[in-house]
Amino acid sequence: MTTTPPSYDHWHPLVRTAARAEALAHQLDAA
């Protein structure tokens, strides 16, 4: 399972950035 990286992470690095931004927005909303 560890030999094949996630497809979404491979075709678009921005997906990770979007996920981090969303998580940060959730933190701001919670605070």
Protein backbone atom coordinates (compact mmCIF):
# COMPACT_ATOMS: atom_id res chain seq x y z
CA MET A 1 0.00 0.00 0.00
CA THR A 2 2.89 2.33 0.75
CA THR A 3 4.44 1.68 -2.67
CA THR A 4 1.73 3.62 -4.51
CA PRO A 5 1.21 7.26 -3.49
CA PRO A 6 -2.29 8.78 -3.50
CA SER A 7 -3.41 9.73 -7.00
CA TYR A 8 -4.89 13.06 -5.95
CA ASP A 9 -1.60 13.99 -4.27
CA HIS A 10 0.26 13.03 -7.44
CA TRP A 11 -1.82 14.84 -10.06
CA HIS A 12 -2.44 17.99 -8.06
CA PRO A 13 -0.25 19.18 -5.15
CA LEU A 14 -2.71 22.04 -4.60
CA VAL A 15 -5.14 19.51 -3.14
CA ARG A 16 -2.94 19.30 -0.06
CA THR A 17 -2.79 23.10 0.15
CA ALA A 18 -6.56 23.31 -0.16
CA ALA A 19 -6.97 20.72 2.59
CA ARG A 20 -4.63 22.69 4.87
CA ALA A 21 -6.47 25.92 4.09
CA GLU A 22 -9.80 24.27 4.86
CA ALA A 23 -8.47 22.89 8.14
CA LEU A 24 -7.12 26.32 9.04
CA ALA A 25 -10.50 27.86 8.23
CA HIS A 26 -12.17 25.32 10.51
CA GLN A 27 -9.78 26.24 13.30
CA LEU A 28 -10.53 29.94 12.83
CA ASP A 29 -14.24 29.21 12.76
CA ALA A 30 -13.99 27.14 15.94
CA ALA A 31 -12.01 29.88 17.64
